[in-house]
Amino acid sequence: MKIYYIGIIRNDPKPALEITSVNDLSSFSYFTRASVAEFLTFFSGNVAERTGPAQRQDVQEQSYTFHVYGRSEGCAGVIISDHEYPKLVAHKLLTQVMDDFLTLHPRATWATGTPKLLVPALDEYIVKYQDPRQADSILRIQQELDETKIILHKTIESVLERGEKIDDLVEKSAGLSAQSKMFYKSAKKQNSCCIIS
């Protein structure tokens, strides 16, 4: 699970314009990073243009998923991740990113021209949300529940195995007990014929 790109795109008026973005291209070869960054920016703009106000969508392209959240203010947040990244976490992050951006930069600061604005929290978000289980409390709790369930299943299995072993011992001791009674009787018979009084 990996996030490659988080960006904020002005999608009204068209054409779309990237206002700010951050990416993590460490998994790509050094020589291909510039091309990958251009691809991510180009496609995020295209997807943002096609996303209406107050609309959320997930678009898959090759090995990427574009998570988009269009706002009524005329901008859209875009997260590009791999296919395994949870959609719920991506959209939760998009809501946070857009709220942070619009709090820092009202529409008047980016509605016209070609602004390049900073949102310092984006750098933190792209690092923090690389592991969605650590960033999202619901996923973290779900993971802990899954781990607890696995431990309980193992414990129950070991108790059942122990119970089966105890049952085997009880059966063997019951058989032993019958054998020891027979041995006692036969020993008593043998000893009775040899007793000198």
N, C-alpha and C. Protein backbone atom coordinates (compact mmCIF):
# COMPACT_ATOMS: atom_id res chain seq x y z
N MET A 1 0.84 -1.17 0.00
CA MET A 1 0.00 0.00 0.00
C MET A 1 0.89 1.24 0.00
N LYS A 2 0.64 2.11 -0.97
CA LYS A 2 1.52 3.27 -1.11
C LYS A 2 0.75 4.45 -1.70
N ILE A 3 1.05 5.63 -1.18
CA ILE A 3 0.58 6.88 -1.78
C ILE A 3 1.75 7.48 -2.55
N TYR A 4 1.48 7.83 -3.82
CA TYR A 4 2.51 8.42 -4.66
C TYR A 4 2.37 9.94 -4.75
N TYR A 5 1.14 10.44 -4.62
CA TYR A 5 0.90 11.86 -4.92
C TYR A 5 -0.28 12.36 -4.12
N ILE A 6 -0.15 13.57 -3.59
CA ILE A 6 -1.27 14.30 -3.00
C ILE A 6 -1.22 15.69 -3.62
N GLY A 7 -2.32 16.11 -4.23
CA GLY A 7 -2.32 17.42 -4.87
C GLY A 7 -3.65 18.12 -4.75
N ILE A 8 -3.60 19.42 -4.90
CA ILE A 8 -4.81 20.24 -4.92
C ILE A 8 -4.83 20.94 -6.28
N ILE A 9 -5.93 20.75 -6.98
CA ILE A 9 -6.06 21.21 -8.36
C ILE A 9 -7.21 22.21 -8.44
N ARG A 10 -6.97 23.33 -9.10
CA ARG A 10 -8.07 24.24 -9.40
C ARG A 10 -8.76 23.69 -10.64
N ASN A 11 -10.01 23.30 -10.52
CA ASN A 11 -10.71 22.70 -11.66
C ASN A 11 -11.83 23.59 -12.20
N ASP A 12 -11.98 24.80 -11.68
CA ASP A 12 -12.95 25.74 -12.20
C ASP A 12 -12.36 27.13 -12.06
N PRO A 13 -12.01 27.83 -13.10
CA PRO A 13 -12.29 27.57 -14.51
C PRO A 13 -11.32 26.55 -15.12
N LYS A 14 -11.71 26.02 -16.25
CA LYS A 14 -10.87 25.06 -16.95
C LYS A 14 -9.90 25.82 -17.85
N PRO A 15 -8.75 25.33 -18.17
CA PRO A 15 -8.18 24.03 -17.85
C PRO A 15 -7.72 23.98 -16.39
N ALA A 16 -7.63 22.76 -15.90
CA ALA A 16 -7.22 22.54 -14.51
C ALA A 16 -5.78 23.00 -14.30
N LEU A 17 -5.51 23.47 -13.08
CA LEU A 17 -4.18 23.95 -12.73
C LEU A 17 -3.80 23.39 -11.37
N GLU A 18 -2.63 22.81 -11.29
CA GLU A 18 -2.14 22.29 -10.01
C GLU A 18 -1.70 23.47 -9.14
N ILE A 19 -2.33 23.59 -7.98
CA ILE A 19 -2.00 24.68 -7.06
C ILE A 19 -0.85 24.27 -6.14
N THR A 20 -0.94 23.07 -5.62
CA THR A 20 0.13 22.56 -4.76
C THR A 20 0.10 21.04 -4.81
N SER A 21 1.25 20.44 -4.57
CA SER A 21 1.31 18.98 -4.56
C SER A 21 2.56 18.52 -3.83
N VAL A 22 2.53 17.27 -3.47
CA VAL A 22 3.69 16.61 -2.88
C VAL A 22 3.65 15.17 -3.39
N ASN A 23 4.82 14.59 -3.63
CA ASN A 23 4.82 13.20 -4.09
C ASN A 23 5.93 12.42 -3.42
N ASP A 24 5.75 11.11 -3.46
CA ASP A 24 6.76 10.18 -2.94
C ASP A 24 7.07 9.20 -4.06
N LEU A 25 8.15 9.44 -4.75
CA LEU A 25 8.53 8.61 -5.90
C LEU A 25 9.76 7.77 -5.60
N SER A 26 10.00 7.52 -4.32
CA SER A 26 11.20 6.77 -3.93
C SER A 26 11.21 5.34 -4.45
N SER A 27 10.05 4.81 -4.79
CA SER A 27 10.00 3.43 -5.29
C SER A 27 10.32 3.35 -6.78
N PHE A 28 10.52 4.49 -7.44
CA PHE A 28 10.85 4.52 -8.85
C PHE A 28 12.35 4.79 -9.04
N SER A 29 12.86 4.38 -10.17
CA SER A 29 14.25 4.63 -10.51
C SER A 29 14.49 6.14 -10.55
N TYR A 30 15.67 6.54 -10.14
CA TYR A 30 16.02 7.96 -10.11
C TYR A 30 15.83 8.61 -11.48
N PHE A 31 16.15 7.88 -12.53
CA PHE A 31 16.10 8.43 -13.88
C PHE A 31 14.68 8.55 -14.43
N THR A 32 13.72 7.85 -13.84
CA THR A 32 12.34 7.91 -14.32
C THR A 32 11.44 8.78 -13.45
N ARG A 33 11.94 9.28 -12.35
CA ARG A 33 11.10 10.05 -11.42
C ARG A 33 10.48 11.28 -12.05
N ALA A 34 11.24 12.01 -12.85
CA ALA A 34 10.70 13.23 -13.49
C ALA A 34 9.55 12.89 -14.42
N SER A 35 9.69 11.83 -15.19
CA SER A 35 8.62 11.41 -16.11
C SER A 35 7.39 10.95 -15.34
N VAL A 36 7.61 10.20 -14.27
CA VAL A 36 6.49 9.73 -13.45
C VAL A 36 5.78 10.92 -12.82
N ALA A 37 6.53 11.90 -12.33
CA ALA A 37 5.93 13.08 -11.71
C ALA A 37 5.07 13.84 -12.73
N GLU A 38 5.55 13.98 -13.97
CA GLU A 38 4.76 14.63 -15.02
C GLU A 38 3.49 13.86 -15.30
N PHE A 39 3.60 12.54 -15.38
CA PHE A 39 2.42 11.70 -15.62
C PHE A 39 1.40 11.90 -14.51
N LEU A 40 1.84 11.88 -13.25
CA LEU A 40 0.92 12.03 -12.12
C LEU A 40 0.24 13.40 -12.14
N THR A 41 1.00 14.45 -12.43
CA THR A 41 0.42 15.80 -12.49
C THR A 41 -0.58 15.92 -13.64
N PHE A 42 -0.21 15.40 -14.81
CA PHE A 42 -1.09 15.47 -15.98
C PHE A 42 -2.41 14.75 -15.74
N PHE A 43 -2.33 13.51 -15.27
CA PHE A 43 -3.55 12.74 -15.06
C PHE A 43 -4.37 13.26 -13.88
N SER A 44 -3.72 13.78 -12.86
CA SER A 44 -4.50 14.33 -11.75
C SER A 44 -5.31 15.53 -12.22
N GLY A 45 -4.73 16.35 -13.09
CA GLY A 45 -5.47 17.48 -13.66
C GLY A 45 -6.65 17.03 -14.50
N ASN A 46 -6.43 16.00 -15.32
CA ASN A 46 -7.52 15.47 -16.15
C ASN A 46 -8.66 14.92 -15.31
N VAL A 47 -8.32 14.16 -14.30
CA VAL A 47 -9.36 13.57 -13.45
C VAL A 47 -10.08 14.66 -12.65
N ALA A 48 -9.33 15.65 -12.17
CA ALA A 48 -9.94 16.74 -11.40
C ALA A 48 -10.90 17.55 -12.27
N GLU A 49 -10.56 17.77 -13.55
CA GLU A 49 -11.46 18.49 -14.46
C GLU A 49 -12.78 17.77 -14.63
N ARG A 50 -12.76 16.46 -14.57
CA ARG A 50 -13.97 15.65 -14.79
C ARG A 50 -14.72 15.33 -13.50
N THR A 51 -14.28 15.92 -12.40
CA THR A 51 -14.94 15.69 -11.12
C THR A 51 -15.74 16.94 -10.76
N GLY A 52 -17.02 16.75 -10.59
CA GLY A 52 -17.89 17.88 -10.27
C GLY A 52 -17.81 18.30 -8.82
N PRO A 53 -18.43 19.44 -8.51
CA PRO A 53 -18.46 19.92 -7.13
C PRO A 53 -19.16 18.92 -6.21
N ALA A 54 -18.63 18.75 -5.01
CA ALA A 54 -19.17 17.85 -3.99
C ALA A 54 -19.27 16.41 -4.48
N GLN A 55 -18.38 16.02 -5.35
CA GLN A 55 -18.36 14.66 -5.89
C GLN A 55 -17.06 13.98 -5.50
N ARG A 56 -17.17 12.69 -5.18
CA ARG A 56 -15.99 11.86 -4.90
C ARG A 56 -15.97 10.73 -5.92
N GLN A 57 -14.76 10.40 -6.36
CA GLN A 57 -14.65 9.26 -7.26
C GLN A 57 -13.28 8.63 -7.15
N ASP A 58 -13.23 7.38 -7.59
CA ASP A 58 -11.99 6.61 -7.64
C ASP A 58 -11.83 6.12 -9.07
N VAL A 59 -10.71 6.47 -9.69
CA VAL A 59 -10.45 6.10 -11.08
C VAL A 59 -9.18 5.27 -11.12
N GLN A 60 -9.25 4.12 -11.80
CA GLN A 60 -8.07 3.27 -11.93
C GLN A 60 -7.45 3.46 -13.30
N GLU A 61 -6.15 3.68 -13.32
CA GLU A 61 -5.39 3.84 -14.55
C GLU A 61 -4.08 3.08 -14.38
N GLN A 62 -3.88 2.06 -15.22
CA GLN A 62 -2.72 1.19 -15.13
C GLN A 62 -2.62 0.64 -13.70
N SER A 63 -1.52 0.86 -13.03
CA SER A 63 -1.38 0.31 -11.68
C SER A 63 -1.67 1.36 -10.59
N TYR A 64 -2.36 2.44 -10.96
CA TYR A 64 -2.64 3.52 -10.03
C TYR A 64 -4.14 3.67 -9.81
N THR A 65 -4.50 4.17 -8.64
CA THR A 65 -5.87 4.56 -8.36
C THR A 65 -5.86 6.04 -8.00
N PHE A 66 -6.69 6.81 -8.69
CA PHE A 66 -6.83 8.24 -8.45
C PHE A 66 -8.06 8.43 -7.56
N HIS A 67 -7.86 8.91 -6.37
CA HIS A 67 -8.95 9.22 -5.44
C HIS A 67 -9.16 10.73 -5.55
N VAL A 68 -10.38 11.17 -5.88
CA VAL A 68 -10.62 12.58 -6.13
C VAL A 68 -11.82 13.06 -5.32
N TYR A 69 -11.68 14.27 -4.80
CA TYR A 69 -12.76 14.91 -4.04
C TYR A 69 -12.91 16.34 -4.56
N GLY A 70 -13.99 16.57 -5.31
CA GLY A 70 -14.26 17.91 -5.84
C GLY A 70 -15.02 18.74 -4.82
N ARG A 71 -14.62 19.98 -4.67
CA ARG A 71 -15.27 20.89 -3.73
C ARG A 71 -16.06 21.95 -4.50
N SER A 72 -17.05 22.50 -3.86
CA SER A 72 -17.89 23.52 -4.50
C SER A 72 -17.14 24.84 -4.69
N GLU A 73 -16.00 25.01 -4.03
CA GLU A 73 -15.21 26.24 -4.15
C GLU A 73 -14.48 26.33 -5.49
N GLY A 74 -14.46 25.24 -6.26
CA GLY A 74 -13.78 25.26 -7.56
C GLY A 74 -12.43 24.59 -7.54
N CYS A 75 -12.20 23.73 -6.57
CA CYS A 75 -10.93 23.00 -6.51
C CYS A 75 -11.23 21.55 -6.16
N ALA A 76 -10.22 20.73 -6.37
CA ALA A 76 -10.37 19.30 -6.08
C ALA A 76 -9.07 18.79 -5.47
N GLY A 77 -9.21 17.85 -4.55
CA GLY A 77 -8.06 17.18 -3.99
C GLY A 77 -7.89 15.85 -4.69
N VAL A 78 -6.63 15.48 -4.96
CA VAL A 78 -6.34 14.23 -5.67
C VAL A 78 -5.26 13.48 -4.89
N ILE A 79 -5.52 12.20 -4.66
CA ILE A 79 -4.51 11.30 -4.11
C ILE A 79 -4.32 10.19 -5.12
N ILE A 80 -3.09 9.91 -5.46
CA ILE A 80 -2.79 8.80 -6.36
C ILE A 80 -2.06 7.75 -5.53
N SER A 81 -2.60 6.55 -5.57
CA SER A 81 -2.05 5.45 -4.79
C SER A 81 -2.03 4.18 -5.64
N ASP A 82 -1.51 3.11 -5.05
CA ASP A 82 -1.63 1.82 -5.72
C ASP A 82 -3.05 1.29 -5.46
N HIS A 83 -3.39 0.16 -6.09
CA HIS A 83 -4.75 -0.38 -5.99
C HIS A 83 -5.08 -0.91 -4.60
N GLU A 84 -4.07 -1.30 -3.83
CA GLU A 84 -4.34 -1.90 -2.52
C GLU A 84 -4.68 -0.88 -1.44
N TYR A 85 -4.40 0.39 -1.70
CA TYR A 85 -4.61 1.41 -0.67
C TYR A 85 -6.11 1.54 -0.38
N PRO A 86 -6.52 1.53 0.90
CA PRO A 86 -7.95 1.58 1.24
C PRO A 86 -8.61 2.89 0.82
N LYS A 87 -9.73 2.78 0.12
CA LYS A 87 -10.43 3.96 -0.38
C LYS A 87 -10.96 4.82 0.76
N LEU A 88 -11.43 4.19 1.81
CA LEU A 88 -11.97 4.93 2.94
C LEU A 88 -10.92 5.85 3.55
N VAL A 89 -9.72 5.34 3.73
CA VAL A 89 -8.63 6.14 4.30
C VAL A 89 -8.23 7.26 3.34
N ALA A 90 -8.17 6.95 2.04
CA ALA A 90 -7.79 7.97 1.05
C ALA A 90 -8.80 9.13 1.07
N HIS A 91 -10.07 8.82 1.13
CA HIS A 91 -11.08 9.89 1.11
C HIS A 91 -11.12 10.64 2.44
N LYS A 92 -10.83 9.97 3.52
CA LYS A 92 -10.72 10.67 4.81
C LYS A 92 -9.57 11.68 4.75
N LEU A 93 -8.44 11.24 4.19
CA LEU A 93 -7.29 12.13 4.04
C LEU A 93 -7.61 13.28 3.09
N LEU A 94 -8.32 13.01 2.00
CA LEU A 94 -8.69 14.08 1.07
C LEU A 94 -9.53 15.15 1.76
N THR A 95 -10.46 14.73 2.58
CA THR A 95 -11.28 15.69 3.32
C THR A 95 -10.40 16.56 4.21
N GLN A 96 -9.47 15.94 4.90
CA GLN A 96 -8.56 16.68 5.79
C GLN A 96 -7.69 17.65 4.98
N VAL A 97 -7.15 17.18 3.86
CA VAL A 97 -6.28 18.01 3.03
C VAL A 97 -7.05 19.22 2.50
N MET A 98 -8.25 19.00 2.00
CA MET A 98 -9.02 20.10 1.45
C MET A 98 -9.43 21.09 2.53
N ASP A 99 -9.80 20.60 3.70
CA ASP A 99 -10.14 21.51 4.80
C ASP A 99 -8.93 22.35 5.20
N ASP A 100 -7.76 21.71 5.31
CA ASP A 100 -6.54 22.44 5.65
C ASP A 100 -6.22 23.51 4.60
N PHE A 101 -6.31 23.12 3.33
CA PHE A 101 -6.00 24.04 2.24
C PHE A 101 -6.93 25.25 2.25
N LEU A 102 -8.23 25.01 2.34
CA LEU A 102 -9.18 26.12 2.28
C LEU A 102 -9.14 27.00 3.52
N THR A 103 -8.68 26.44 4.64
CA THR A 103 -8.49 27.26 5.84
C THR A 103 -7.30 28.19 5.66
N LEU A 104 -6.22 27.67 5.08
CA LEU A 104 -5.01 28.47 4.87
C LEU A 104 -5.14 29.46 3.71
N HIS A 105 -5.83 29.03 2.65
CA HIS A 105 -5.88 29.82 1.42
C HIS A 105 -7.32 29.97 0.94
N PRO A 106 -7.97 31.09 1.26
CA PRO A 106 -9.33 31.33 0.76
C PRO A 106 -9.33 31.40 -0.77
N ARG A 107 -10.48 31.23 -1.36
CA ARG A 107 -10.61 31.18 -2.82
C ARG A 107 -9.96 32.38 -3.52
N ALA A 108 -10.03 33.54 -2.95
CA ALA A 108 -9.48 34.73 -3.59
C ALA A 108 -7.97 34.63 -3.85
N THR A 109 -7.26 33.80 -3.07
CA THR A 109 -5.80 33.69 -3.24
C THR A 109 -5.40 32.79 -4.39
N TRP A 110 -6.30 31.97 -4.89
CA TRP A 110 -5.94 31.03 -5.95
C TRP A 110 -6.93 30.98 -7.12
N ALA A 111 -7.99 31.75 -7.08
CA ALA A 111 -9.04 31.67 -8.10
C ALA A 111 -8.58 32.16 -9.47
N THR A 112 -7.61 33.07 -9.51
CA THR A 112 -7.15 33.58 -10.80
C THR A 112 -5.63 33.46 -10.88
N GLY A 113 -5.12 33.56 -12.10
CA GLY A 113 -3.67 33.49 -12.30
C GLY A 113 -3.16 32.06 -12.21
N THR A 114 -1.87 31.93 -11.93
CA THR A 114 -1.24 30.61 -11.81
C THR A 114 -0.54 30.51 -10.46
N PRO A 115 -1.32 30.49 -9.40
CA PRO A 115 -0.70 30.46 -8.06
C PRO A 115 -0.05 29.12 -7.75
N LYS A 116 1.04 29.18 -7.04
CA LYS A 116 1.68 28.00 -6.47
C LYS A 116 1.74 28.24 -4.97
N LEU A 117 0.87 27.60 -4.24
CA LEU A 117 0.75 27.83 -2.80
C LEU A 117 1.30 26.65 -2.02
N LEU A 118 1.67 26.91 -0.79
CA LEU A 118 2.21 25.85 0.06
C LEU A 118 1.18 25.42 1.10
N VAL A 119 1.16 24.13 1.34
CA VAL A 119 0.39 23.56 2.45
C VAL A 119 1.37 22.66 3.19
N PRO A 120 2.00 23.18 4.25
CA PRO A 120 3.05 22.42 4.93
C PRO A 120 2.60 21.04 5.43
N ALA A 121 1.35 20.90 5.73
CA ALA A 121 0.85 19.62 6.26
C ALA A 121 0.92 18.50 5.23
N LEU A 122 0.98 18.83 3.93
CA LEU A 122 1.03 17.78 2.91
C LEU A 122 2.26 16.89 3.06
N ASP A 123 3.40 17.50 3.37
CA ASP A 123 4.63 16.71 3.56
C ASP A 123 4.45 15.72 4.71
N GLU A 124 3.80 16.16 5.76
CA GLU A 124 3.55 15.29 6.91
C GLU A 124 2.55 14.19 6.55
N TYR A 125 1.50 14.57 5.82
CA TYR A 125 0.46 13.60 5.47
C TYR A 125 0.99 12.47 4.58
N ILE A 126 1.84 12.81 3.61
CA ILE A 126 2.30 11.76 2.69
C ILE A 126 3.20 10.76 3.40
N VAL A 127 3.86 11.19 4.46
CA VAL A 127 4.68 10.26 5.25
C VAL A 127 3.79 9.47 6.21
N LYS A 128 2.93 10.17 6.93
CA LYS A 128 2.08 9.53 7.95
C LYS A 128 1.12 8.51 7.35
N TYR A 129 0.54 8.83 6.20
CA TYR A 129 -0.48 7.97 5.61
C TYR A 129 0.07 6.88 4.71
N GLN A 130 1.41 6.71 4.63
CA GLN A 130 1.94 5.59 3.86
C GLN A 130 1.49 4.26 4.47
N ASP A 131 1.35 4.24 5.78
CA ASP A 131 0.80 3.05 6.44
C ASP A 131 -0.59 3.43 6.94
N PRO A 132 -1.63 3.08 6.18
CA PRO A 132 -2.98 3.51 6.54
C PRO A 132 -3.44 2.98 7.89
N ARG A 133 -2.89 1.84 8.34
CA ARG A 133 -3.32 1.28 9.63
C ARG A 133 -2.84 2.17 10.79
N GLN A 134 -1.70 2.83 10.63
CA GLN A 134 -1.20 3.71 11.69
C GLN A 134 -1.92 5.05 11.67
N ALA A 135 -2.32 5.49 10.49
CA ALA A 135 -2.92 6.81 10.36
C ALA A 135 -4.41 6.82 10.67
N ASP A 136 -5.08 5.71 10.40
CA ASP A 136 -6.53 5.66 10.59
C ASP A 136 -6.86 4.78 11.78
N SER A 137 -7.52 5.35 12.76
CA SER A 137 -7.81 4.61 14.00
C SER A 137 -8.75 3.44 13.77
N ILE A 138 -9.69 3.56 12.84
CA ILE A 138 -10.61 2.45 12.58
C ILE A 138 -9.85 1.26 12.02
N LEU A 139 -8.97 1.50 11.05
CA LEU A 139 -8.18 0.40 10.49
C LEU A 139 -7.25 -0.20 11.53
N ARG A 140 -6.69 0.65 12.38
CA ARG A 140 -5.79 0.16 13.42
C ARG A 140 -6.55 -0.75 14.39
N ILE A 141 -7.74 -0.34 14.79
CA ILE A 141 -8.55 -1.16 15.69
C ILE A 141 -8.94 -2.46 15.01
N GLN A 142 -9.30 -2.38 13.72
CA GLN A 142 -9.65 -3.59 12.97
C GLN A 142 -8.47 -4.56 12.92
N GLN A 143 -7.27 -4.02 12.69
CA GLN A 143 -6.07 -4.87 12.66
C GLN A 143 -5.84 -5.52 14.02
N GLU A 144 -6.00 -4.75 15.10
CA GLU A 144 -5.82 -5.30 16.44
C GLU A 144 -6.85 -6.39 16.72
N LEU A 145 -8.09 -6.18 16.28
CA LEU A 145 -9.13 -7.20 16.45
C LEU A 145 -8.77 -8.47 15.67
N ASP A 146 -8.29 -8.29 14.44
CA ASP A 146 -7.89 -9.45 13.63
C ASP A 146 -6.76 -10.22 14.30
N GLU A 147 -5.77 -9.49 14.83
CA GLU A 147 -4.66 -10.15 15.52
C GLU A 147 -5.15 -10.88 16.77
N THR A 148 -6.06 -10.27 17.52
CA THR A 148 -6.61 -10.90 18.71
C THR A 148 -7.39 -12.16 18.33
N LYS A 149 -8.14 -12.07 17.23
CA LYS A 149 -8.90 -13.23 16.77
C LYS A 149 -7.97 -14.39 16.42
N ILE A 150 -6.85 -14.07 15.76
CA ILE A 150 -5.87 -15.11 15.40
C ILE A 150 -5.30 -15.76 16.66
N ILE A 151 -4.96 -14.93 17.65
CA ILE A 151 -4.41 -15.46 18.90
C ILE A 151 -5.44 -16.35 19.59
N LEU A 152 -6.69 -15.91 19.62
CA LEU A 152 -7.74 -16.72 20.25
C LEU A 152 -7.92 -18.05 19.54
N HIS A 153 -7.90 -18.02 18.20
CA HIS A 153 -8.02 -19.27 17.45
C HIS A 153 -6.86 -20.22 17.79
N LYS A 154 -5.66 -19.68 17.87
CA LYS A 154 -4.50 -20.50 18.21
C LYS A 154 -4.64 -21.06 19.62
N THR A 155 -5.12 -20.23 20.55
CA THR A 155 -5.30 -20.67 21.92
C THR A 155 -6.34 -21.77 21.99
N ILE A 156 -7.45 -21.57 21.29
CA ILE A 156 -8.51 -22.59 21.30
C ILE A 156 -7.99 -23.89 20.69
N GLU A 157 -7.24 -23.78 19.59
CA GLU A 157 -6.67 -24.98 18.98
C GLU A 157 -5.73 -25.70 19.93
N SER A 158 -4.89 -24.94 20.64
CA SER A 158 -3.95 -25.59 21.56
C SER A 158 -4.71 -26.21 22.74
N VAL A 159 -5.79 -25.57 23.19
CA VAL A 159 -6.60 -26.17 24.27
C VAL A 159 -7.25 -27.46 23.78
N LEU A 160 -7.75 -27.43 22.56
CA LEU A 160 -8.36 -28.65 22.01
C LEU A 160 -7.33 -29.76 21.85
N GLU A 161 -6.14 -29.40 21.37
CA GLU A 161 -5.08 -30.40 21.24
C GLU A 161 -4.72 -30.97 22.61
N ARG A 162 -4.62 -30.08 23.60
CA ARG A 162 -4.31 -30.51 24.96
C ARG A 162 -5.42 -31.41 25.49
N GLY A 163 -6.67 -31.03 25.18
CA GLY A 163 -7.81 -31.86 25.60
C GLY A 163 -7.76 -33.24 24.97
N GLU A 164 -7.39 -33.28 23.67
CA GLU A 164 -7.28 -34.57 23.00
C GLU A 164 -6.17 -35.40 23.64
N LYS A 165 -5.07 -34.79 23.99
CA LYS A 165 -3.97 -35.51 24.61
C LYS A 165 -4.39 -36.03 25.98
N ILE A 166 -5.13 -35.23 26.72
CA ILE A 166 -5.61 -35.68 28.03
C ILE A 166 -6.57 -36.85 27.87
N ASP A 167 -7.46 -36.75 26.86
CA ASP A 167 -8.38 -37.87 26.60
C ASP A 167 -7.61 -39.14 26.27
N ASP A 168 -6.57 -39.02 25.45
CA ASP A 168 -5.74 -40.19 25.14
C ASP A 168 -5.13 -40.77 26.41
N LEU A 169 -4.62 -39.91 27.29
CA LEU A 169 -4.02 -40.38 28.54
C LEU A 169 -5.06 -41.07 29.44
N VAL A 170 -6.27 -40.51 29.47
CA VAL A 170 -7.32 -41.12 30.28
C VAL A 170 -7.65 -42.51 29.74
N GLU A 171 -7.76 -42.62 28.39
CA GLU A 171 -8.03 -43.92 27.80
C GLU A 171 -6.92 -44.91 28.12
N LYS A 172 -5.68 -44.44 27.98
CA LYS A 172 -4.55 -45.32 28.28
C LYS A 172 -4.54 -45.72 29.74
N SER A 173 -4.85 -44.77 30.62
CA SER A 173 -4.86 -45.11 32.05
C SER A 173 -6.00 -46.06 32.37
N ALA A 174 -7.13 -45.93 31.67
CA ALA A 174 -8.23 -46.87 31.88
C ALA A 174 -7.80 -48.27 31.44
N GLY A 175 -7.11 -48.32 30.28
CA GLY A 175 -6.59 -49.61 29.80
C GLY A 175 -5.54 -50.14 30.75
N LEU A 176 -4.69 -49.28 31.25
CA LEU A 176 -3.65 -49.67 32.19
C LEU A 176 -4.26 -50.19 33.48
N SER A 177 -5.29 -49.50 33.88
CA SER A 177 -5.97 -49.90 35.11
C SER A 177 -6.55 -51.32 34.98
N ALA A 178 -7.16 -51.61 33.86
CA ALA A 178 -7.71 -52.96 33.63
C ALA A 178 -6.59 -53.98 33.59
N GLN A 179 -5.48 -53.63 32.92
CA GLN A 179 -4.34 -54.55 32.85
C GLN A 179 -3.74 -54.78 34.24
N SER A 180 -3.65 -53.70 35.02
CA SER A 180 -3.06 -53.87 36.35
C SER A 180 -3.96 -54.72 37.23
N LYS A 181 -5.27 -54.64 37.08
CA LYS A 181 -6.19 -55.50 37.85
C LYS A 181 -5.99 -56.96 37.45
N MET A 182 -5.85 -57.20 36.14
CA MET A 182 -5.63 -58.57 35.68
C MET A 182 -4.29 -59.09 36.19
N PHE A 183 -3.26 -58.25 36.16
CA PHE A 183 -1.96 -58.64 36.67
C PHE A 183 -2.04 -58.98 38.16
N TYR A 184 -2.75 -58.18 38.91
CA TYR A 184 -2.91 -58.41 40.35
C TYR A 184 -3.58 -59.76 40.61
N LYS A 185 -4.64 -60.04 39.85
CA LYS A 185 -5.36 -61.31 40.04
C LYS A 185 -4.46 -62.49 39.67
N SER A 186 -3.77 -62.38 38.55
CA SER A 186 -2.92 -63.51 38.14
C SER A 186 -1.75 -63.68 39.10
N ALA A 187 -1.21 -62.57 39.60
CA ALA A 187 -0.12 -62.64 40.58
C ALA A 187 -0.62 -63.27 41.86
N LYS A 188 -1.84 -62.96 42.25
CA LYS A 188 -2.41 -63.51 43.47
C LYS A 188 -2.58 -65.02 43.32
N LYS A 189 -3.03 -65.46 42.12
CA LYS A 189 -3.19 -66.89 41.87
C LYS A 189 -1.83 -67.58 41.93
N GLN A 190 -0.87 -66.99 41.27
CA GLN A 190 0.47 -67.59 41.27
C GLN A 190 1.04 -67.68 42.67
N ASN A 191 0.87 -66.63 43.42
CA ASN A 191 1.41 -66.60 44.76
C ASN A 191 0.64 -67.56 45.69
N SER A 192 -0.62 -67.78 45.43
CA SER A 192 -1.41 -68.64 46.32
C SER A 192 -0.96 -70.11 46.23
N CYS A 193 -0.52 -70.54 45.07
CA CYS A 193 -0.09 -71.93 44.96
C CYS A 193 1.29 -72.15 45.56
N CYS A 194 2.02 -71.10 45.73
CA CYS A 194 3.39 -71.25 46.22
C CYS A 194 3.51 -70.88 47.71
N ILE A 195 2.48 -70.65 48.37
CA ILE A 195 2.57 -70.21 49.76
C ILE A 195 2.79 -71.45 50.63
N ILE A 196 3.80 -71.39 51.50
CA ILE A 196 4.11 -72.46 52.43
C ILE A 196 3.66 -72.02 53.80
N SER A 197 2.86 -72.83 54.41
CA SER A 197 2.41 -72.45 55.74
C SER A 197 2.90 -73.39 56.78
